[in-house]
mmCIF file of all heavy atoms, coordinates in Angstrom:
data_MODEL
# 
_entry.id   MODEL 
# 
loop_
_atom_site.group_PDB 
_atom_site.id 
_atom_site.type_symbol 
_atom_site.label_atom_id 
_atom_site.label_alt_id 
_atom_site.label_comp_id 
_atom_site.label_asym_id 
_atom_site.label_entity_id 
_atom_site.label_seq_id 
_atom_site.pdbx_PDB_ins_code 
_atom_site.Cartn_x 
_atom_site.Cartn_y 
_atom_site.Cartn_z 
_atom_site.occupancy 
_atom_site.B_iso_or_equiv 
_atom_site.pdbx_formal_charge 
_atom_site.auth_seq_id 
_atom_site.auth_comp_id 
_atom_site.auth_asym_id 
_atom_site.auth_atom_id 
_atom_site.pdbx_PDB_model_num 
ATOM 1   N N   . PHE A 1 1  ? -38.576 111.154 139.042 1.00 0.00 ? 1  PHE A N   1 
ATOM 2   C CA  . PHE A 1 1  ? -37.637 110.306 139.791 1.00 0.00 ? 1  PHE A CA  1 
ATOM 3   C C   . PHE A 1 1  ? -36.296 110.201 139.089 1.00 0.00 ? 1  PHE A C   1 
ATOM 4   O O   . PHE A 1 1  ? -35.270 109.962 139.732 1.00 0.00 ? 1  PHE A O   1 
ATOM 5   C CB  . PHE A 1 1  ? -38.245 108.928 140.022 1.00 0.00 ? 1  PHE A CB  1 
ATOM 6   C CG  . PHE A 1 1  ? -39.277 108.904 141.105 1.00 0.00 ? 1  PHE A CG  1 
ATOM 7   C CD1 . PHE A 1 1  ? -40.596 108.580 140.822 1.00 0.00 ? 1  PHE A CD1 1 
ATOM 8   C CD2 . PHE A 1 1  ? -38.948 109.224 142.402 1.00 0.00 ? 1  PHE A CD2 1 
ATOM 9   C CE1 . PHE A 1 1  ? -41.562 108.563 141.828 1.00 0.00 ? 1  PHE A CE1 1 
ATOM 10  C CE2 . PHE A 1 1  ? -39.899 109.216 143.414 1.00 0.00 ? 1  PHE A CE2 1 
ATOM 11  C CZ  . PHE A 1 1  ? -41.207 108.891 143.120 1.00 0.00 ? 1  PHE A CZ  1 
ATOM 12  N N   . ALA A 1 2  ? -36.269 110.385 137.778 1.00 0.00 ? 2  ALA A N   1 
ATOM 13  C CA  . ALA A 1 2  ? -35.008 110.310 137.032 1.00 0.00 ? 2  ALA A CA  1 
ATOM 14  C C   . ALA A 1 2  ? -34.125 111.530 137.252 1.00 0.00 ? 2  ALA A C   1 
ATOM 15  O O   . ALA A 1 2  ? -32.975 111.560 136.802 1.00 0.00 ? 2  ALA A O   1 
ATOM 16  C CB  . ALA A 1 2  ? -35.298 110.151 135.543 1.00 0.00 ? 2  ALA A CB  1 
ATOM 17  N N   . ALA A 1 3  ? -34.621 112.517 137.958 1.00 0.00 ? 3  ALA A N   1 
ATOM 18  C CA  . ALA A 1 3  ? -33.868 113.759 138.154 1.00 0.00 ? 3  ALA A CA  1 
ATOM 19  C C   . ALA A 1 3  ? -32.915 113.719 139.338 1.00 0.00 ? 3  ALA A C   1 
ATOM 20  O O   . ALA A 1 3  ? -32.069 114.614 139.477 1.00 0.00 ? 3  ALA A O   1 
ATOM 21  C CB  . ALA A 1 3  ? -34.844 114.923 138.323 1.00 0.00 ? 3  ALA A CB  1 
ATOM 22  N N   . ARG A 1 4  ? -33.048 112.724 140.218 1.00 0.00 ? 4  ARG A N   1 
ATOM 23  C CA  . ARG A 1 4  ? -32.201 112.667 141.407 1.00 0.00 ? 4  ARG A CA  1 
ATOM 24  C C   . ARG A 1 4  ? -31.677 111.250 141.632 1.00 0.00 ? 4  ARG A C   1 
ATOM 25  O O   . ARG A 1 4  ? -32.236 110.278 141.140 1.00 0.00 ? 4  ARG A O   1 
ATOM 26  C CB  . ARG A 1 4  ? -32.980 113.122 142.644 1.00 0.00 ? 4  ARG A CB  1 
ATOM 27  C CG  . ARG A 1 4  ? -33.318 114.609 142.662 1.00 0.00 ? 4  ARG A CG  1 
ATOM 28  C CD  . ARG A 1 4  ? -34.014 114.979 143.968 1.00 0.00 ? 4  ARG A CD  1 
ATOM 29  N NE  . ARG A 1 4  ? -34.164 116.433 144.105 1.00 0.00 ? 4  ARG A NE  1 
ATOM 30  C CZ  . ARG A 1 4  ? -35.209 117.111 143.648 1.00 0.00 ? 4  ARG A CZ  1 
ATOM 31  N NH1 . ARG A 1 4  ? -36.210 116.471 143.035 1.00 0.00 ? 4  ARG A NH1 1 
ATOM 32  N NH2 . ARG A 1 4  ? -35.267 118.417 143.812 1.00 0.00 ? 4  ARG A NH2 1 
ATOM 33  N N   . THR A 1 5  ? -30.616 111.154 142.432 1.00 0.00 ? 5  THR A N   1 
ATOM 34  C CA  . THR A 1 5  ? -30.043 109.853 142.769 1.00 0.00 ? 5  THR A CA  1 
ATOM 35  C C   . THR A 1 5  ? -30.902 109.154 143.830 1.00 0.00 ? 5  THR A C   1 
ATOM 36  O O   . THR A 1 5  ? -31.741 109.780 144.491 1.00 0.00 ? 5  THR A O   1 
ATOM 37  C CB  . THR A 1 5  ? -28.617 110.007 143.319 1.00 0.00 ? 5  THR A CB  1 
ATOM 38  O OG1 . THR A 1 5  ? -28.689 110.702 144.578 1.00 0.00 ? 5  THR A OG1 1 
ATOM 39  C CG2 . THR A 1 5  ? -27.724 110.766 142.351 1.00 0.00 ? 5  THR A CG2 1 
ATOM 40  N N   . LEU A 1 6  ? -30.631 107.869 143.991 1.00 0.00 ? 6  LEU A N   1 
ATOM 41  C CA  . LEU A 1 6  ? -31.343 107.121 145.022 1.00 0.00 ? 6  LEU A CA  1 
ATOM 42  C C   . LEU A 1 6  ? -31.061 107.710 146.401 1.00 0.00 ? 6  LEU A C   1 
ATOM 43  O O   . LEU A 1 6  ? -31.973 107.812 147.236 1.00 0.00 ? 6  LEU A O   1 
ATOM 44  C CB  . LEU A 1 6  ? -30.935 105.650 144.986 1.00 0.00 ? 6  LEU A CB  1 
ATOM 45  C CG  . LEU A 1 6  ? -31.553 104.773 146.071 1.00 0.00 ? 6  LEU A CG  1 
ATOM 46  C CD1 . LEU A 1 6  ? -33.072 104.717 145.941 1.00 0.00 ? 6  LEU A CD1 1 
ATOM 47  C CD2 . LEU A 1 6  ? -30.968 103.370 146.049 1.00 0.00 ? 6  LEU A CD2 1 
ATOM 48  N N   . ALA A 1 7  ? -29.819 108.082 146.668 1.00 0.00 ? 7  ALA A N   1 
ATOM 49  C CA  . ALA A 1 7  ? -29.484 108.660 147.978 1.00 0.00 ? 7  ALA A CA  1 
ATOM 50  C C   . ALA A 1 7  ? -30.276 109.935 148.225 1.00 0.00 ? 7  ALA A C   1 
ATOM 51  O O   . ALA A 1 7  ? -30.767 110.175 149.338 1.00 0.00 ? 7  ALA A O   1 
ATOM 52  C CB  . ALA A 1 7  ? -27.989 108.937 148.059 1.00 0.00 ? 7  ALA A CB  1 
ATOM 53  N N   . GLU A 1 8  ? -30.415 110.751 147.196 1.00 0.00 ? 8  GLU A N   1 
ATOM 54  C CA  . GLU A 1 8  ? -31.194 111.984 147.352 1.00 0.00 ? 8  GLU A CA  1 
ATOM 55  C C   . GLU A 1 8  ? -32.665 111.676 147.606 1.00 0.00 ? 8  GLU A C   1 
ATOM 56  O O   . GLU A 1 8  ? -33.305 112.296 148.460 1.00 0.00 ? 8  GLU A O   1 
ATOM 57  C CB  . GLU A 1 8  ? -31.039 112.844 146.098 1.00 0.00 ? 8  GLU A CB  1 
ATOM 58  C CG  . GLU A 1 8  ? -29.644 113.438 145.931 1.00 0.00 ? 8  GLU A CG  1 
ATOM 59  C CD  . GLU A 1 8  ? -29.473 114.146 144.609 1.00 0.00 ? 8  GLU A CD  1 
ATOM 60  O OE1 . GLU A 1 8  ? -29.817 113.562 143.562 1.00 0.00 ? 8  GLU A OE1 1 
ATOM 61  O OE2 . GLU A 1 8  ? -28.988 115.295 144.618 1.00 0.00 ? 8  GLU A OE2 1 
ATOM 62  N N   . TRP A 1 9  ? -33.184 110.704 146.864 1.00 0.00 ? 9  TRP A N   1 
ATOM 63  C CA  . TRP A 1 9  ? -34.592 110.343 147.078 1.00 0.00 ? 9  TRP A CA  1 
ATOM 64  C C   . TRP A 1 9  ? -34.801 109.712 148.447 1.00 0.00 ? 9  TRP A C   1 
ATOM 65  O O   . TRP A 1 9  ? -35.840 109.917 149.084 1.00 0.00 ? 9  TRP A O   1 
ATOM 66  C CB  . TRP A 1 9  ? -35.073 109.402 145.979 1.00 0.00 ? 9  TRP A CB  1 
ATOM 67  C CG  . TRP A 1 9  ? -35.381 110.093 144.685 1.00 0.00 ? 9  TRP A CG  1 
ATOM 68  C CD1 . TRP A 1 9  ? -34.797 109.895 143.472 1.00 0.00 ? 9  TRP A CD1 1 
ATOM 69  C CD2 . TRP A 1 9  ? -36.341 111.134 144.499 1.00 0.00 ? 9  TRP A CD2 1 
ATOM 70  N NE1 . TRP A 1 9  ? -35.328 110.738 142.533 1.00 0.00 ? 9  TRP A NE1 1 
ATOM 71  C CE2 . TRP A 1 9  ? -36.288 111.518 143.137 1.00 0.00 ? 9  TRP A CE2 1 
ATOM 72  C CE3 . TRP A 1 9  ? -37.234 111.799 145.338 1.00 0.00 ? 9  TRP A CE3 1 
ATOM 73  C CZ2 . TRP A 1 9  ? -37.102 112.501 142.598 1.00 0.00 ? 9  TRP A CZ2 1 
ATOM 74  C CZ3 . TRP A 1 9  ? -38.050 112.783 144.812 1.00 0.00 ? 9  TRP A CZ3 1 
ATOM 75  C CH2 . TRP A 1 9  ? -37.988 113.133 143.457 1.00 0.00 ? 9  TRP A CH2 1 
ATOM 76  N N   . THR A 1 10 ? -33.854 108.952 148.911 1.00 0.00 ? 10 THR A N   1 
ATOM 77  C CA  . THR A 1 10 ? -33.981 108.339 150.234 1.00 0.00 ? 10 THR A CA  1 
ATOM 78  C C   . THR A 1 10 ? -34.139 109.410 151.305 1.00 0.00 ? 10 THR A C   1 
ATOM 79  O O   . THR A 1 10 ? -34.961 109.278 152.226 1.00 0.00 ? 10 THR A O   1 
ATOM 80  C CB  . THR A 1 10 ? -32.751 107.462 150.534 1.00 0.00 ? 10 THR A CB  1 
ATOM 81  O OG1 . THR A 1 10 ? -32.678 106.415 149.565 1.00 0.00 ? 10 THR A OG1 1 
ATOM 82  C CG2 . THR A 1 10 ? -32.839 106.858 151.922 1.00 0.00 ? 10 THR A CG2 1 
ATOM 83  N N   . GLU A 1 11 ? -33.386 110.489 151.179 1.00 0.00 ? 11 GLU A N   1 
ATOM 84  C CA  . GLU A 1 11 ? -33.492 111.589 152.143 1.00 0.00 ? 11 GLU A CA  1 
ATOM 85  C C   . GLU A 1 11 ? -34.815 112.336 151.978 1.00 0.00 ? 11 GLU A C   1 
ATOM 86  O O   . GLU A 1 11 ? -35.507 112.645 152.962 1.00 0.00 ? 11 GLU A O   1 
ATOM 87  C CB  . GLU A 1 11 ? -32.318 112.541 151.962 1.00 0.00 ? 11 GLU A CB  1 
ATOM 88  C CG  . GLU A 1 11 ? -32.297 113.677 152.958 1.00 0.00 ? 11 GLU A CG  1 
ATOM 89  C CD  . GLU A 1 11 ? -31.076 114.570 152.806 1.00 0.00 ? 11 GLU A CD  1 
ATOM 90  O OE1 . GLU A 1 11 ? -30.152 114.190 152.064 1.00 0.00 ? 11 GLU A OE1 1 
ATOM 91  O OE2 . GLU A 1 11 ? -31.052 115.647 153.439 1.00 0.00 ? 11 GLU A OE2 1 
ATOM 92  N N   . ARG A 1 12 ? -35.202 112.606 150.729 1.00 0.00 ? 12 ARG A N   1 
ATOM 93  C CA  . ARG A 1 12 ? -36.411 113.383 150.482 1.00 0.00 ? 12 ARG A CA  1 
ATOM 94  C C   . ARG A 1 12 ? -37.678 112.622 150.842 1.00 0.00 ? 12 ARG A C   1 
ATOM 95  O O   . ARG A 1 12 ? -38.669 113.200 151.305 1.00 0.00 ? 12 ARG A O   1 
ATOM 96  C CB  . ARG A 1 12 ? -36.474 113.805 149.010 1.00 0.00 ? 12 ARG A CB  1 
ATOM 97  C CG  . ARG A 1 12 ? -35.428 114.818 148.610 1.00 0.00 ? 12 ARG A CG  1 
ATOM 98  C CD  . ARG A 1 12 ? -35.556 115.160 147.135 1.00 0.00 ? 12 ARG A CD  1 
ATOM 99  N NE  . ARG A 1 12 ? -36.813 115.860 146.869 1.00 0.00 ? 12 ARG A NE  1 
ATOM 100 C CZ  . ARG A 1 12 ? -36.986 117.163 146.960 1.00 0.00 ? 12 ARG A CZ  1 
ATOM 101 N NH1 . ARG A 1 12 ? -35.985 117.941 147.371 1.00 0.00 ? 12 ARG A NH1 1 
ATOM 102 N NH2 . ARG A 1 12 ? -38.154 117.704 146.687 1.00 0.00 ? 12 ARG A NH2 1 
ATOM 103 N N   . LEU A 1 13 ? -37.677 111.313 150.606 1.00 0.00 ? 13 LEU A N   1 
ATOM 104 C CA  . LEU A 1 13 ? -38.883 110.515 150.823 1.00 0.00 ? 13 LEU A CA  1 
ATOM 105 C C   . LEU A 1 13 ? -39.013 109.981 152.248 1.00 0.00 ? 13 LEU A C   1 
ATOM 106 O O   . LEU A 1 13 ? -39.922 109.216 152.543 1.00 0.00 ? 13 LEU A O   1 
ATOM 107 C CB  . LEU A 1 13 ? -38.925 109.340 149.833 1.00 0.00 ? 13 LEU A CB  1 
ATOM 108 C CG  . LEU A 1 13 ? -38.938 109.706 148.345 1.00 0.00 ? 13 LEU A CG  1 
ATOM 109 C CD1 . LEU A 1 13 ? -39.012 108.439 147.488 1.00 0.00 ? 13 LEU A CD1 1 
ATOM 110 C CD2 . LEU A 1 13 ? -40.090 110.645 148.010 1.00 0.00 ? 13 LEU A CD2 1 
ATOM 111 N N   . ALA A 1 14 ? -38.112 110.373 153.115 1.00 0.00 ? 14 ALA A N   1 
ATOM 112 C CA  . ALA A 1 14 ? -38.153 109.892 154.501 1.00 0.00 ? 14 ALA A CA  1 
ATOM 113 C C   . ALA A 1 14 ? -39.466 110.257 155.187 1.00 0.00 ? 14 ALA A C   1 
ATOM 114 O O   . ALA A 1 14 ? -39.924 109.547 156.091 1.00 0.00 ? 14 ALA A O   1 
ATOM 115 C CB  . ALA A 1 14 ? -36.977 110.462 155.289 1.00 0.00 ? 14 ALA A CB  1 
ATOM 116 N N   . THR A 1 15 ? -40.091 111.342 154.751 1.00 0.00 ? 15 THR A N   1 
ATOM 117 C CA  . THR A 1 15 ? -41.358 111.774 155.367 1.00 0.00 ? 15 THR A CA  1 
ATOM 118 C C   . THR A 1 15 ? -42.579 111.411 154.529 1.00 0.00 ? 15 THR A C   1 
ATOM 119 O O   . THR A 1 15 ? -43.696 111.801 154.866 1.00 0.00 ? 15 THR A O   1 
ATOM 120 C CB  . THR A 1 15 ? -41.336 113.295 155.585 1.00 0.00 ? 15 THR A CB  1 
ATOM 121 O OG1 . THR A 1 15 ? -41.078 113.957 154.331 1.00 0.00 ? 15 THR A OG1 1 
ATOM 122 C CG2 . THR A 1 15 ? -40.272 113.686 156.592 1.00 0.00 ? 15 THR A CG2 1 
ATOM 123 N N   . LEU A 1 16 ? -42.381 110.684 153.454 1.00 0.00 ? 16 LEU A N   1 
ATOM 124 C CA  . LEU A 1 16 ? -43.508 110.272 152.610 1.00 0.00 ? 16 LEU A CA  1 
ATOM 125 C C   . LEU A 1 16 ? -44.412 109.322 153.391 1.00 0.00 ? 16 LEU A C   1 
ATOM 126 O O   . LEU A 1 16 ? -43.930 108.368 154.019 1.00 0.00 ? 16 LEU A O   1 
ATOM 127 C CB  . LEU A 1 16 ? -42.992 109.601 151.343 1.00 0.00 ? 16 LEU A CB  1 
ATOM 128 C CG  . LEU A 1 16 ? -44.027 109.170 150.306 1.00 0.00 ? 16 LEU A CG  1 
ATOM 129 C CD1 . LEU A 1 16 ? -44.750 110.388 149.731 1.00 0.00 ? 16 LEU A CD1 1 
ATOM 130 C CD2 . LEU A 1 16 ? -43.350 108.380 149.198 1.00 0.00 ? 16 LEU A CD2 1 
ATOM 131 N N   . SER A 1 17 ? -45.701 109.548 153.345 1.00 0.00 ? 17 SER A N   1 
ATOM 132 C CA  . SER A 1 17 ? -46.623 108.751 154.167 1.00 0.00 ? 17 SER A CA  1 
ATOM 133 C C   . SER A 1 17 ? -46.883 107.359 153.602 1.00 0.00 ? 17 SER A C   1 
ATOM 134 O O   . SER A 1 17 ? -47.245 106.453 154.339 1.00 0.00 ? 17 SER A O   1 
ATOM 135 C CB  . SER A 1 17 ? -47.953 109.497 154.326 1.00 0.00 ? 17 SER A CB  1 
ATOM 136 O OG  . SER A 1 17 ? -48.524 109.774 153.058 1.00 0.00 ? 17 SER A OG  1 
ATOM 137 N N   . GLY A 1 18 ? -46.722 107.182 152.303 1.00 0.00 ? 18 GLY A N   1 
ATOM 138 C CA  . GLY A 1 18 ? -47.012 105.878 151.691 1.00 0.00 ? 18 GLY A CA  1 
ATOM 139 C C   . GLY A 1 18 ? -45.806 104.956 151.659 1.00 0.00 ? 18 GLY A C   1 
ATOM 140 O O   . GLY A 1 18 ? -44.650 105.403 151.750 1.00 0.00 ? 18 GLY A O   1 
ATOM 141 N N   . PRO A 1 19 ? -46.031 103.635 151.513 1.00 0.00 ? 19 PRO A N   1 
ATOM 142 C CA  . PRO A 1 19 ? -44.928 102.663 151.498 1.00 0.00 ? 19 PRO A CA  1 
ATOM 143 C C   . PRO A 1 19 ? -44.092 102.759 150.213 1.00 0.00 ? 19 PRO A C   1 
ATOM 144 O O   . PRO A 1 19 ? -44.627 102.827 149.110 1.00 0.00 ? 19 PRO A O   1 
ATOM 145 C CB  . PRO A 1 19 ? -45.650 101.312 151.582 1.00 0.00 ? 19 PRO A CB  1 
ATOM 146 C CG  . PRO A 1 19 ? -47.036 101.626 152.032 1.00 0.00 ? 19 PRO A CG  1 
ATOM 147 C CD  . PRO A 1 19 ? -47.348 102.983 151.518 1.00 0.00 ? 19 PRO A CD  1 
ATOM 148 N N   . TRP A 1 20 ? -42.782 102.744 150.394 1.00 0.00 ? 20 TRP A N   1 
ATOM 149 C CA  . TRP A 1 20 ? -41.852 102.682 149.273 1.00 0.00 ? 20 TRP A CA  1 
ATOM 150 C C   . TRP A 1 20 ? -40.567 102.040 149.783 1.00 0.00 ? 20 TRP A C   1 
ATOM 151 O O   . TRP A 1 20 ? -40.349 101.932 150.989 1.00 0.00 ? 20 TRP A O   1 
ATOM 152 C CB  . TRP A 1 20 ? -41.556 104.088 148.717 1.00 0.00 ? 20 TRP A CB  1 
ATOM 153 C CG  . TRP A 1 20 ? -40.715 104.917 149.648 1.00 0.00 ? 20 TRP A CG  1 
ATOM 154 C CD1 . TRP A 1 20 ? -41.130 105.646 150.709 1.00 0.00 ? 20 TRP A CD1 1 
ATOM 155 C CD2 . TRP A 1 20 ? -39.283 105.038 149.614 1.00 0.00 ? 20 TRP A CD2 1 
ATOM 156 N NE1 . TRP A 1 20 ? -40.079 106.231 151.352 1.00 0.00 ? 20 TRP A NE1 1 
ATOM 157 C CE2 . TRP A 1 20 ? -38.921 105.881 150.694 1.00 0.00 ? 20 TRP A CE2 1 
ATOM 158 C CE3 . TRP A 1 20 ? -38.288 104.538 148.781 1.00 0.00 ? 20 TRP A CE3 1 
ATOM 159 C CZ2 . TRP A 1 20 ? -37.605 106.211 150.964 1.00 0.00 ? 20 TRP A CZ2 1 
ATOM 160 C CZ3 . TRP A 1 20 ? -36.971 104.871 149.054 1.00 0.00 ? 20 TRP A CZ3 1 
ATOM 161 C CH2 . TRP A 1 20 ? -36.642 105.702 150.121 1.00 0.00 ? 20 TRP A CH2 1 
ATOM 162 N N   . ALA A 1 21 ? -39.714 101.618 148.874 1.00 0.00 ? 21 ALA A N   1 
ATOM 163 C CA  . ALA A 1 21 ? -38.443 101.013 149.270 1.00 0.00 ? 21 ALA A CA  1 
ATOM 164 C C   . ALA A 1 21 ? -37.442 101.132 148.140 1.00 0.00 ? 21 ALA A C   1 
ATOM 165 O O   . ALA A 1 21 ? -37.814 101.146 146.965 1.00 0.00 ? 21 ALA A O   1 
ATOM 166 C CB  . ALA A 1 21 ? -38.636 99.541  149.633 1.00 0.00 ? 21 ALA A CB  1 
ATOM 167 N N   . PRO A 1 22 ? -36.163 101.196 148.484 1.00 0.00 ? 22 PRO A N   1 
ATOM 168 C CA  . PRO A 1 22 ? -35.128 101.109 147.450 1.00 0.00 ? 22 PRO A CA  1 
ATOM 169 C C   . PRO A 1 22 ? -35.027 99.664  146.965 1.00 0.00 ? 22 PRO A C   1 
ATOM 170 O O   . PRO A 1 22 ? -35.215 98.721  147.754 1.00 0.00 ? 22 PRO A O   1 
ATOM 171 C CB  . PRO A 1 22 ? -33.862 101.525 148.190 1.00 0.00 ? 22 PRO A CB  1 
ATOM 172 C CG  . PRO A 1 22 ? -34.122 101.149 149.617 1.00 0.00 ? 22 PRO A CG  1 
ATOM 173 C CD  . PRO A 1 22 ? -35.596 101.355 149.831 1.00 0.00 ? 22 PRO A CD  1 
ATOM 174 N N   . VAL A 1 23 ? -34.754 99.474  145.703 1.00 0.00 ? 23 VAL A N   1 
ATOM 175 C CA  . VAL A 1 23 ? -34.496 98.129  145.176 1.00 0.00 ? 23 VAL A CA  1 
ATOM 176 C C   . VAL A 1 23 ? -33.013 97.845  145.407 1.00 0.00 ? 23 VAL A C   1 
ATOM 177 O O   . VAL A 1 23 ? -32.145 98.570  144.907 1.00 0.00 ? 23 VAL A O   1 
ATOM 178 C CB  . VAL A 1 23 ? -34.848 98.044  143.687 1.00 0.00 ? 23 VAL A CB  1 
ATOM 179 C CG1 . VAL A 1 23 ? -34.494 96.667  143.134 1.00 0.00 ? 23 VAL A CG1 1 
ATOM 180 C CG2 . VAL A 1 23 ? -36.342 98.326  143.489 1.00 0.00 ? 23 VAL A CG2 1 
ATOM 181 N N   . GLN A 1 24 ? -32.714 96.790  146.160 1.00 0.00 ? 24 GLN A N   1 
ATOM 182 C CA  . GLN A 1 24 ? -31.340 96.497  146.566 1.00 0.00 ? 24 GLN A CA  1 
ATOM 183 C C   . GLN A 1 24 ? -30.915 95.112  146.117 1.00 0.00 ? 24 GLN A C   1 
ATOM 184 O O   . GLN A 1 24 ? -31.714 94.174  146.113 1.00 0.00 ? 24 GLN A O   1 
ATOM 185 C CB  . GLN A 1 24 ? -31.210 96.605  148.094 1.00 0.00 ? 24 GLN A CB  1 
ATOM 186 C CG  . GLN A 1 24 ? -31.577 97.979  148.637 1.00 0.00 ? 24 GLN A CG  1 
ATOM 187 C CD  . GLN A 1 24 ? -31.337 98.129  150.122 1.00 0.00 ? 24 GLN A CD  1 
ATOM 188 O OE1 . GLN A 1 24 ? -30.910 99.176  150.580 1.00 0.00 ? 24 GLN A OE1 1 
ATOM 189 N NE2 . GLN A 1 24 ? -31.630 97.103  150.905 1.00 0.00 ? 24 GLN A NE2 1 
ATOM 190 N N   . ASP A 1 25 ? -29.640 94.980  145.773 1.00 0.00 ? 25 ASP A N   1 
ATOM 191 C CA  . ASP A 1 25 ? -29.112 93.663  145.441 1.00 0.00 ? 25 ASP A CA  1 
ATOM 192 C C   . ASP A 1 25 ? -28.538 93.009  146.695 1.00 0.00 ? 25 ASP A C   1 
ATOM 193 O O   . ASP A 1 25 ? -28.588 93.575  147.802 1.00 0.00 ? 25 ASP A O   1 
ATOM 194 C CB  . ASP A 1 25 ? -28.098 93.740  144.294 1.00 0.00 ? 25 ASP A CB  1 
ATOM 195 C CG  . ASP A 1 25 ? -26.846 94.559  144.632 1.00 0.00 ? 25 ASP A CG  1 
ATOM 196 O OD1 . ASP A 1 25 ? -26.463 94.629  145.824 1.00 0.00 ? 25 ASP A OD1 1 
ATOM 197 O OD2 . ASP A 1 25 ? -26.233 95.120  143.705 1.00 0.00 ? 25 ASP A OD2 1 
ATOM 198 N N   . SER A 1 26 ? -27.966 91.825  146.513 1.00 0.00 ? 26 SER A N   1 
ATOM 199 C CA  . SER A 1 26 ? -27.528 91.039  147.671 1.00 0.00 ? 26 SER A CA  1 
ATOM 200 C C   . SER A 1 26 ? -26.306 91.620  148.355 1.00 0.00 ? 26 SER A C   1 
ATOM 201 O O   . SER A 1 26 ? -25.997 91.231  149.488 1.00 0.00 ? 26 SER A O   1 
ATOM 202 C CB  . SER A 1 26 ? -27.244 89.589  147.241 1.00 0.00 ? 26 SER A CB  1 
ATOM 203 O OG  . SER A 1 26 ? -26.293 89.559  146.185 1.00 0.00 ? 26 SER A OG  1 
ATOM 204 N N   . LEU A 1 27 ? -25.604 92.549  147.717 1.00 0.00 ? 27 LEU A N   1 
ATOM 205 C CA  . LEU A 1 27 ? -24.501 93.246  148.376 1.00 0.00 ? 27 LEU A CA  1 
ATOM 206 C C   . LEU A 1 27 ? -24.998 94.527  149.042 1.00 0.00 ? 27 LEU A C   1 
ATOM 207 O O   . LEU A 1 27 ? -24.587 94.862  150.153 1.00 0.00 ? 27 LEU A O   1 
ATOM 208 C CB  . LEU A 1 27 ? -23.402 93.571  147.357 1.00 0.00 ? 27 LEU A CB  1 
ATOM 209 C CG  . LEU A 1 27 ? -22.191 94.356  147.888 1.00 0.00 ? 27 LEU A CG  1 
ATOM 210 C CD1 . LEU A 1 27 ? -21.488 93.587  149.012 1.00 0.00 ? 27 LEU A CD1 1 
ATOM 211 C CD2 . LEU A 1 27 ? -21.218 94.660  146.759 1.00 0.00 ? 27 LEU A CD2 1 
ATOM 212 N N   . GLN A 1 28 ? -25.894 95.231  148.378 1.00 0.00 ? 28 GLN A N   1 
ATOM 213 C CA  . GLN A 1 28 ? -26.385 96.509  148.893 1.00 0.00 ? 28 GLN A CA  1 
ATOM 214 C C   . GLN A 1 28 ? -27.127 96.381  150.216 1.00 0.00 ? 28 GLN A C   1 
ATOM 215 O O   . GLN A 1 28 ? -27.124 97.308  151.025 1.00 0.00 ? 28 GLN A O   1 
ATOM 216 C CB  . GLN A 1 28 ? -27.271 97.176  147.835 1.00 0.00 ? 28 GLN A CB  1 
ATOM 217 C CG  . GLN A 1 28 ? -26.480 97.670  146.637 1.00 0.00 ? 28 GLN A CG  1 
ATOM 218 C CD  . GLN A 1 28 ? -27.322 97.875  145.398 1.00 0.00 ? 28 GLN A CD  1 
ATOM 219 O OE1 . GLN A 1 28 ? -28.485 97.464  145.344 1.00 0.00 ? 28 GLN A OE1 1 
ATOM 220 N NE2 . GLN A 1 28 ? -26.746 98.498  144.384 1.00 0.00 ? 28 GLN A NE2 1 
ATOM 221 N N   . VAL A 1 29 ? -27.748 95.220  150.465 1.00 0.00 ? 29 VAL A N   1 
ATOM 222 C CA  . VAL A 1 29 ? -28.467 95.069  151.735 1.00 0.00 ? 29 VAL A CA  1 
ATOM 223 C C   . VAL A 1 29 ? -27.533 95.202  152.931 1.00 0.00 ? 29 VAL A C   1 
ATOM 224 O O   . VAL A 1 29 ? -27.955 95.574  154.031 1.00 0.00 ? 29 VAL A O   1 
ATOM 225 C CB  . VAL A 1 29 ? -29.233 93.721  151.809 1.00 0.00 ? 29 VAL A CB  1 
ATOM 226 C CG1 . VAL A 1 29 ? -30.319 93.651  150.763 1.00 0.00 ? 29 VAL A CG1 1 
ATOM 227 C CG2 . VAL A 1 29 ? -28.285 92.530  151.689 1.00 0.00 ? 29 VAL A CG2 1 
# 
């Protein structure tokens, strides 16, 4: 996971079958 940015992982994990989420602060939401 340290090899890619959150944006890259968000695109790659869009088809992942298990639950996951980005950790977001009160501005990022």
